[in-house]
């Protein structure tokens, strides 16, 4: 149930402009400007049956976008 609520919240935030789906170093993230955190997500901003991720994925603790540093704090359900 928590995964479902989080997935819904992340999608809602993305649609409302609080988060941006962005690809950095071949990993997709939602970037939250309010607290400078990032959530690893699935391919782009839409769900697909099969993820584009393959092989080993190294998720960094921080990512930089437009000269802003975001702490990677979550991995959304179904990202991989």
PDB file of N, CA and C in Angstrom:
ATOM      1  N   UNK A   1       0.819  -1.191   0.000  1.00  0.00           N
ATOM      2  CA  UNK A   1       0.000   0.000   0.000  1.00  0.00           C
ATOM      3  C   UNK A   1       0.867   1.262   0.000  1.00  0.00           C
ATOM      4  N   UNK A   2       1.993   1.220   0.754  1.00  0.00           N
ATOM      5  CA  UNK A   2       2.874   2.384   0.801  1.00  0.00           C
ATOM      6  C   UNK A   2       3.454   2.691  -0.577  1.00  0.00           C
ATOM      7  N   UNK A   3       3.813   1.616  -1.330  1.00  0.00           N
ATOM      8  CA  UNK A   3       4.343   1.814  -2.681  1.00  0.00           C
ATOM      9  C   UNK A   3       3.318   2.505  -3.568  1.00  0.00           C
ATOM     10  N   UNK A   4       2.084   2.050  -3.476  1.00  0.00           N
ATOM     11  CA  UNK A   4       1.012   2.625  -4.283  1.00  0.00           C
ATOM     12  C   UNK A   4       0.813   4.101  -3.947  1.00  0.00           C
ATOM     13  N   UNK A   5       0.788   4.419  -2.675  1.00  0.00           N
ATOM     14  CA  UNK A   5       0.613   5.816  -2.257  1.00  0.00           C
ATOM     15  C   UNK A   5       1.784   6.655  -2.728  1.00  0.00           C
ATOM     16  N   UNK A   6       3.009   6.143  -2.561  1.00  0.00           N
ATOM     17  CA  UNK A   6       4.178   6.904  -2.989  1.00  0.00           C
ATOM     18  C   UNK A   6       4.175   7.110  -4.504  1.00  0.00           C
ATOM     19  N   UNK A   7       3.842   6.064  -5.259  1.00  0.00           N
ATOM     20  CA  UNK A   7       3.792   6.171  -6.719  1.00  0.00           C
ATOM     21  C   UNK A   7       2.764   7.214  -7.134  1.00  0.00           C
ATOM     22  N   UNK A   8       1.600   7.182  -6.511  1.00  0.00           N
ATOM     23  CA  UNK A   8       0.570   8.173  -6.807  1.00  0.00           C
ATOM     24  C   UNK A   8       1.053   9.573  -6.473  1.00  0.00           C
ATOM     25  N   UNK A   9       1.664   9.752  -5.312  1.00  0.00           N
ATOM     26  CA  UNK A   9       2.154  11.066  -4.895  1.00  0.00           C
ATOM     27  C   UNK A   9       3.226  11.581  -5.852  1.00  0.00           C
ATOM     28  N   UNK A  10       4.159  10.713  -6.244  1.00  0.00           N
ATOM     29  CA  UNK A  10       5.218  11.126  -7.168  1.00  0.00           C
ATOM     30  C   UNK A  10       4.639  11.537  -8.514  1.00  0.00           C
ATOM     31  N   UNK A  11       3.664  10.772  -9.009  1.00  0.00           N
ATOM     32  CA  UNK A  11       3.028  11.129 -10.280  1.00  0.00           C
ATOM     33  C   UNK A  11       2.267  12.433 -10.158  1.00  0.00           C
ATOM     34  N   UNK A  12       1.570  12.628  -9.054  1.00  0.00           N
ATOM     35  CA  UNK A  12       0.827  13.859  -8.825  1.00  0.00           C
ATOM     36  C   UNK A  12       1.759  15.059  -8.748  1.00  0.00           C
ATOM     37  N   UNK A  13       2.861  14.904  -8.052  1.00  0.00           N
ATOM     38  CA  UNK A  13       3.833  16.002  -7.959  1.00  0.00           C
ATOM     39  C   UNK A  13       4.392  16.352  -9.322  1.00  0.00           C
ATOM     40  N   UNK A  14       4.666  15.337 -10.116  1.00  0.00           N
ATOM     41  CA  UNK A  14       5.205  15.571 -11.455  1.00  0.00           C
ATOM     42  C   UNK A  14       4.215  16.357 -12.291  1.00  0.00           C
ATOM     43  N   UNK A  15       2.935  15.984 -12.220  1.00  0.00           N
ATOM     44  CA  UNK A  15       1.920  16.661 -13.016  1.00  0.00           C
ATOM     45  C   UNK A  15       1.684  18.088 -12.529  1.00  0.00           C
ATOM     46  N   UNK A  16       1.873  18.331 -11.248  1.00  0.00           N
ATOM     47  CA  UNK A  16       1.586  19.650 -10.705  1.00  0.00           C
ATOM     48  C   UNK A  16       2.774  20.590 -10.778  1.00  0.00           C
ATOM     49  N   UNK A  17       3.909  20.130 -11.253  1.00  0.00           N
ATOM     50  CA  UNK A  17       5.053  21.002 -11.434  1.00  0.00           C
ATOM     51  C   UNK A  17       6.027  21.001 -10.274  1.00  0.00           C
ATOM     52  N   UNK A  18       5.796  20.205  -9.238  1.00  0.00           N
ATOM     53  CA  UNK A  18       6.715  20.164  -8.117  1.00  0.00           C
ATOM     54  C   UNK A  18       7.945  19.310  -8.428  1.00  0.00           C
ATOM     55  N   UNK A  19       7.821  18.412  -9.377  1.00  0.00           N
ATOM     56  CA  UNK A  19       8.930  17.533  -9.728  1.00  0.00           C
ATOM     57  C   UNK A  19       9.087  17.519 -11.240  1.00  0.00           C
ATOM     58  N   UNK A  20      10.316  17.292 -11.674  1.00  0.00           N
ATOM     59  CA  UNK A  20      10.595  17.230 -13.104  1.00  0.00           C
ATOM     60  C   UNK A  20      11.208  15.881 -13.427  1.00  0.00           C
ATOM     61  N   UNK A  21      10.667  15.174 -14.433  1.00  0.00           N
ATOM     62  CA  UNK A  21      11.285  13.939 -14.896  1.00  0.00           C
ATOM     63  C   UNK A  21      12.443  14.299 -15.811  1.00  0.00           C
ATOM     64  N   UNK A  22      13.641  13.826 -15.477  1.00  0.00           N
ATOM     65  CA  UNK A  22      14.827  14.198 -16.243  1.00  0.00           C
ATOM     66  C   UNK A  22      15.788  13.007 -16.302  1.00  0.00           C
ATOM     67  N   UNK A  23      16.508  12.884 -17.404  1.00  0.00           N
ATOM     68  CA  UNK A  23      17.490  11.810 -17.568  1.00  0.00           C
ATOM     69  C   UNK A  23      18.881  12.386 -17.325  1.00  0.00           C
ATOM     70  N   UNK A  24      19.595  11.803 -16.365  1.00  0.00           N
ATOM     71  CA  UNK A  24      20.964  12.216 -16.053  1.00  0.00           C
ATOM     72  C   UNK A  24      21.815  10.955 -16.044  1.00  0.00           C
ATOM     73  N   UNK A  25      22.847  10.934 -16.882  1.00  0.00           N
ATOM     74  CA  UNK A  25      23.744   9.775 -16.971  1.00  0.00           C
ATOM     75  C   UNK A  25      22.980   8.458 -17.119  1.00  0.00           C
ATOM     76  N   UNK A  26      21.991   8.455 -18.026  1.00  0.00           N
ATOM     77  CA  UNK A  26      21.199   7.280 -18.377  1.00  0.00           C
ATOM     78  C   UNK A  26      20.312   6.736 -17.251  1.00  0.00           C
ATOM     79  N   UNK A  27      20.022   7.556 -16.247  1.00  0.00           N
ATOM     80  CA  UNK A  27      19.074   7.196 -15.192  1.00  0.00           C
ATOM     81  C   UNK A  27      18.030   8.300 -15.129  1.00  0.00           C
ATOM     82  N   UNK A  28      16.767   7.896 -15.011  1.00  0.00           N
ATOM     83  CA  UNK A  28      15.682   8.873 -14.933  1.00  0.00           C
ATOM     84  C   UNK A  28      15.388   9.231 -13.476  1.00  0.00           C
ATOM     85  N   UNK A  29      15.169  10.520 -13.237  1.00  0.00           N
ATOM     86  CA  UNK A  29      14.900  11.030 -11.894  1.00  0.00           C
ATOM     87  C   UNK A  29      13.713  11.983 -11.918  1.00  0.00           C
ATOM     88  N   UNK A  30      13.021  12.048 -10.779  1.00  0.00           N
ATOM     89  CA  UNK A  30      12.146  13.171 -10.478  1.00  0.00           C
ATOM     90  C   UNK A  30      12.982  14.076  -9.590  1.00  0.00           C
ATOM     91  N   UNK A  31      13.094  15.345  -9.940  1.00  0.00           N
ATOM     92  CA  UNK A  31      13.860  16.305  -9.149  1.00  0.00           C
ATOM     93  C   UNK A  31      12.900  17.210  -8.401  1.00  0.00           C
ATOM     94  N   UNK A  32      13.079  17.293  -7.102  1.00  0.00           N
ATOM     95  CA  UNK A  32      12.213  18.106  -6.259  1.00  0.00           C
ATOM     96  C   UNK A  32      12.976  19.357  -5.827  1.00  0.00           C
ATOM     97  N   UNK A  33      12.563  20.490  -6.358  1.00  0.00           N
ATOM     98  CA  UNK A  33      13.256  21.743  -6.079  1.00  0.00           C
ATOM     99  C   UNK A  33      13.057  22.238  -4.649  1.00  0.00           C
ATOM    100  N   UNK A  34      11.950  21.868  -4.023  1.00  0.00           N
ATOM    101  CA  UNK A  34      11.662  22.384  -2.687  1.00  0.00           C
ATOM    102  C   UNK A  34      12.680  21.926  -1.656  1.00  0.00           C
ATOM    103  N   UNK A  35      13.102  20.660  -1.724  1.00  0.00           N
ATOM    104  CA  UNK A  35      14.075  20.167  -0.745  1.00  0.00           C
ATOM    105  C   UNK A  35      15.353  19.623  -1.397  1.00  0.00           C
ATOM    106  N   UNK A  36      15.509  19.862  -2.697  1.00  0.00           N
ATOM    107  CA  UNK A  36      16.696  19.439  -3.457  1.00  0.00           C
ATOM    108  C   UNK A  36      16.971  17.947  -3.307  1.00  0.00           C
ATOM    109  N   UNK A  37      15.898  17.133  -3.473  1.00  0.00           N
ATOM    110  CA  UNK A  37      16.060  15.686  -3.475  1.00  0.00           C
ATOM    111  C   UNK A  37      15.680  15.138  -4.839  1.00  0.00           C
ATOM    112  N   UNK A  38      16.129  13.918  -5.099  1.00  0.00           N
ATOM    113  CA  UNK A  38      15.850  13.248  -6.368  1.00  0.00           C
ATOM    114  C   UNK A  38      15.358  11.838  -6.086  1.00  0.00           C
ATOM    115  N   UNK A  39      14.410  11.387  -6.902  1.00  0.00           N
ATOM    116  CA  UNK A  39      13.879  10.032  -6.824  1.00  0.00           C
ATOM    117  C   UNK A  39      14.155   9.335  -8.147  1.00  0.00           C
ATOM    118  N   UNK A  40      14.765   8.149  -8.085  1.00  0.00           N
ATOM    119  CA  UNK A  40      14.985   7.356  -9.291  1.00  0.00           C
ATOM    120  C   UNK A  40      13.628   6.842  -9.745  1.00  0.00           C
ATOM    121  N   UNK A  41      13.344   6.968 -11.041  1.00  0.00           N
ATOM    122  CA  UNK A  41      12.062   6.544 -11.580  1.00  0.00           C
ATOM    123  C   UNK A  41      12.279   5.638 -12.788  1.00  0.00           C
ATOM    124  N   UNK A  42      11.205   5.249 -13.432  1.00  0.00           N
ATOM    125  CA  UNK A  42      11.287   4.403 -14.606  1.00  0.00           C
ATOM    126  C   UNK A  42      11.503   5.268 -15.839  1.00  0.00           C
ATOM    127  N   UNK A  43      11.554   4.641 -16.984  1.00  0.00           N
ATOM    128  CA  UNK A  43      11.862   5.306 -18.240  1.00  0.00           C
ATOM    129  C   UNK A  43      10.973   6.525 -18.452  1.00  0.00           C
ATOM    130  N   UNK A  44      11.552   7.694 -18.406  1.00  0.00           N
ATOM    131  CA  UNK A  44      10.785   8.914 -18.612  1.00  0.00           C
ATOM    132  C   UNK A  44       9.728   9.104 -17.550  1.00  0.00           C
ATOM    133  N   UNK A  45       8.623   9.722 -17.903  1.00  0.00           N
ATOM    134  CA  UNK A  45       7.565  10.010 -16.934  1.00  0.00           C
ATOM    135  C   UNK A  45       6.363   9.100 -17.098  1.00  0.00           C
ATOM    136  N   UNK A  46       6.467   8.064 -17.953  1.00  0.00           N
ATOM    137  CA  UNK A  46       5.337   7.156 -18.155  1.00  0.00           C
ATOM    138  C   UNK A  46       5.764   5.726 -17.873  1.00  0.00           C
ATOM    139  N   UNK A  47       4.847   4.920 -17.360  1.00  0.00           N
ATOM    140  CA  UNK A  47       5.128   3.518 -17.049  1.00  0.00           C
ATOM    141  C   UNK A  47       5.175   2.687 -18.320  1.00  0.00           C
ATOM    142  N   UNK A  48       6.139   1.776 -18.393  1.00  0.00           N
ATOM    143  CA  UNK A  48       6.228   0.809 -19.486  1.00  0.00           C
ATOM    144  C   UNK A  48       6.351  -0.577 -18.877  1.00  0.00           C
ATOM    145  N   UNK A  49       5.899  -1.579 -19.604  1.00  0.00           N
ATOM    146  CA  UNK A  49       5.995  -2.954 -19.118  1.00  0.00           C
ATOM    147  C   UNK A  49       7.445  -3.350 -18.867  1.00  0.00           C
ATOM    148  N   UNK A  50       8.332  -2.979 -19.768  1.00  0.00           N
ATOM    149  CA  UNK A  50       9.741  -3.328 -19.619  1.00  0.00           C
ATOM    150  C   UNK A  50      10.566  -2.063 -19.516  1.00  0.00           C
ATOM    151  N   UNK A  51      11.423  -2.018 -18.522  1.00  0.00           N
ATOM    152  CA  UNK A  51      12.271  -0.856 -18.314  1.00  0.00           C
ATOM    153  C   UNK A  51      13.381  -0.820 -19.356  1.00  0.00           C
ATOM    154  N   UNK A  52      13.853   0.363 -19.644  1.00  0.00           N
ATOM    155  CA  UNK A  52      14.974   0.514 -20.568  1.00  0.00           C
ATOM    156  C   UNK A  52      16.296   0.220 -19.859  1.00  0.00           C
ATOM    157  N   UNK A  53      16.300   0.169 -18.525  1.00  0.00           N
ATOM    158  CA  UNK A  53      17.521  -0.128 -17.783  1.00  0.00           C
ATOM    159  C   UNK A  53      17.947  -1.571 -18.026  1.00  0.00           C
ATOM    160  N   UNK A  54      19.238  -1.764 -18.241  1.00  0.00           N
ATOM    161  CA  UNK A  54      19.781  -3.109 -18.405  1.00  0.00           C
ATOM    162  C   UNK A  54      21.121  -3.187 -17.696  1.00  0.00           C
ATOM    163  N   UNK A  55      21.521  -4.397 -17.342  1.00  0.00           N
ATOM    164  CA  UNK A  55      22.814  -4.602 -16.709  1.00  0.00           C
ATOM    165  C   UNK A  55      22.882  -3.990 -15.320  1.00  0.00           C
ATOM    166  N   UNK A  56      24.090  -3.724 -14.877  1.00  0.00           N
ATOM    167  CA  UNK A  56      24.307  -3.128 -13.559  1.00  0.00           C
ATOM    168  C   UNK A  56      24.057  -1.632 -13.619  1.00  0.00           C
ATOM    169  N   UNK A  57      23.357  -1.128 -12.617  1.00  0.00           N
ATOM    170  CA  UNK A  57      23.066   0.295 -12.521  1.00  0.00           C
ATOM    171  C   UNK A  57      23.676   0.801 -11.219  1.00  0.00           C
ATOM    172  N   UNK A  58      24.503   1.813 -11.317  1.00  0.00           N
ATOM    173  CA  UNK A  58      25.076   2.447 -10.132  1.00  0.00           C
ATOM    174  C   UNK A  58      24.341   3.750  -9.892  1.00  0.00           C
ATOM    175  N   UNK A  59      23.640   3.823  -8.780  1.00  0.00           N
ATOM    176  CA  UNK A  59      22.879   5.019  -8.451  1.00  0.00           C
ATOM    177  C   UNK A  59      23.732   5.886  -7.536  1.00  0.00           C
ATOM    178  N   UNK A  60      24.039   7.096  -7.957  1.00  0.00           N
ATOM    179  CA  UNK A  60      24.867   7.972  -7.131  1.00  0.00           C
ATOM    180  C   UNK A  60      24.085   8.529  -5.942  1.00  0.00           C
ATOM    181  N   UNK A  61      24.784   9.017  -4.947  1.00  0.00           N
ATOM    182  CA  UNK A  61      24.113   9.607  -3.784  1.00  0.00           C
ATOM    183  C   UNK A  61      23.631  11.023  -4.083  1.00  0.00           C
ATOM    184  N   UNK A  62      24.230  11.672  -5.079  1.00  0.00           N
ATOM    185  CA  UNK A  62      23.789  13.001  -5.514  1.00  0.00           C
ATOM    186  C   UNK A  62      23.851  13.084  -7.035  1.00  0.00           C
ATOM    187  N   UNK A  63      23.035  13.980  -7.597  1.00  0.00           N
ATOM    188  CA  UNK A  63      23.085  14.298  -9.022  1.00  0.00           C
ATOM    189  C   UNK A  63      23.060  15.819  -9.157  1.00  0.00           C
ATOM    190  N   UNK A  64      23.634  16.310 -10.244  1.00  0.00           N
ATOM    191  CA  UNK A  64      23.660  17.744 -10.500  1.00  0.00           C
ATOM    192  C   UNK A  64      22.896  18.031 -11.777  1.00  0.00           C
ATOM    193  N   UNK A  65      22.016  19.018 -11.703  1.00  0.00           N
ATOM    194  CA  UNK A  65      21.231  19.440 -12.863  1.00  0.00           C
ATOM    195  C   UNK A  65      21.080  20.956 -12.797  1.00  0.00           C
ATOM    196  N   UNK A  66      21.441  21.628 -13.874  1.00  0.00           N
ATOM    197  CA  UNK A  66      21.393  23.101 -13.925  1.00  0.00           C
ATOM    198  C   UNK A  66      22.110  23.734 -12.740  1.00  0.00           C
ATOM    199  N   UNK A  67      23.302  23.233 -12.452  1.00  0.00           N
ATOM    200  CA  UNK A  67      24.152  23.743 -11.370  1.00  0.00           C
ATOM    201  C   UNK A  67      23.525  23.606  -9.985  1.00  0.00           C
ATOM    202  N   UNK A  68      22.531  22.749  -9.838  1.00  0.00           N
ATOM    203  CA  UNK A  68      21.912  22.465  -8.541  1.00  0.00           C
ATOM    204  C   UNK A  68      22.211  21.014  -8.178  1.00  0.00           C
ATOM    205  N   UNK A  69      22.585  20.776  -6.942  1.00  0.00           N
ATOM    206  CA  UNK A  69      22.886  19.428  -6.474  1.00  0.00           C
ATOM    207  C   UNK A  69      21.661  18.882  -5.740  1.00  0.00           C
ATOM    208  N   UNK A  70      21.251  17.673  -6.112  1.00  0.00           N
ATOM    209  CA  UNK A  70      20.102  17.003  -5.516  1.00  0.00           C
ATOM    210  C   UNK A  70      20.573  15.719  -4.840  1.00  0.00           C
ATOM    211  N   UNK A  71      20.113  15.455  -3.636  1.00  0.00           N
ATOM    212  CA  UNK A  71      20.411  14.203  -2.938  1.00  0.00           C
ATOM    213  C   UNK A  71      19.442  13.133  -3.420  1.00  0.00           C
ATOM    214  N   UNK A  72      19.978  12.003  -3.847  1.00  0.00           N
ATOM    215  CA  UNK A  72      19.126  10.894  -4.286  1.00  0.00           C
ATOM    216  C   UNK A  72      18.663  10.169  -3.028  1.00  0.00           C
ATOM    217  N   UNK A  73      17.359  10.219  -2.777  1.00  0.00           N
ATOM    218  CA  UNK A  73      16.817   9.698  -1.520  1.00  0.00           C
ATOM    219  C   UNK A  73      15.890   8.510  -1.685  1.00  0.00           C
ATOM    220  N   UNK A  74      15.381   8.266  -2.902  1.00  0.00           N
ATOM    221  CA  UNK A  74      14.387   7.210  -3.080  1.00  0.00           C
ATOM    222  C   UNK A  74      14.539   6.557  -4.452  1.00  0.00           C
ATOM    223  N   UNK A  75      13.980   5.343  -4.538  1.00  0.00           N
ATOM    224  CA  UNK A  75      13.804   4.655  -5.810  1.00  0.00           C
ATOM    225  C   UNK A  75      12.323   4.318  -5.896  1.00  0.00           C
ATOM    226  N   UNK A  76      11.656   4.815  -6.918  1.00  0.00           N
ATOM    227  CA  UNK A  76      10.226   4.599  -7.046  1.00  0.00           C
ATOM    228  C   UNK A  76       9.949   3.134  -7.385  1.00  0.00           C
ATOM    229  N   UNK A  77       8.815   2.625  -6.920  1.00  0.00           N
ATOM    230  CA  UNK A  77       8.431   1.256  -7.244  1.00  0.00           C
ATOM    231  C   UNK A  77       8.355   1.055  -8.745  1.00  0.00           C
ATOM    232  N   UNK A  78       8.746  -0.100  -9.207  1.00  0.00           N
ATOM    233  CA  UNK A  78       8.739  -0.467 -10.625  1.00  0.00           C
ATOM    234  C   UNK A  78       9.790   0.270 -11.459  1.00  0.00           C
ATOM    235  N   UNK A  79      10.760   0.879 -10.817  1.00  0.00           N
ATOM    236  CA  UNK A  79      11.800   1.575 -11.586  1.00  0.00           C
ATOM    237  C   UNK A  79      12.653   0.582 -12.369  1.00  0.00           C
ATOM    238  N   UNK A  80      12.843  -0.601 -11.797  1.00  0.00           N
ATOM    239  CA  UNK A  80      13.698  -1.580 -12.446  1.00  0.00           C
ATOM    240  C   UNK A  80      12.963  -2.869 -12.710  1.00  0.00           C
TER     241      UNK A  80
END
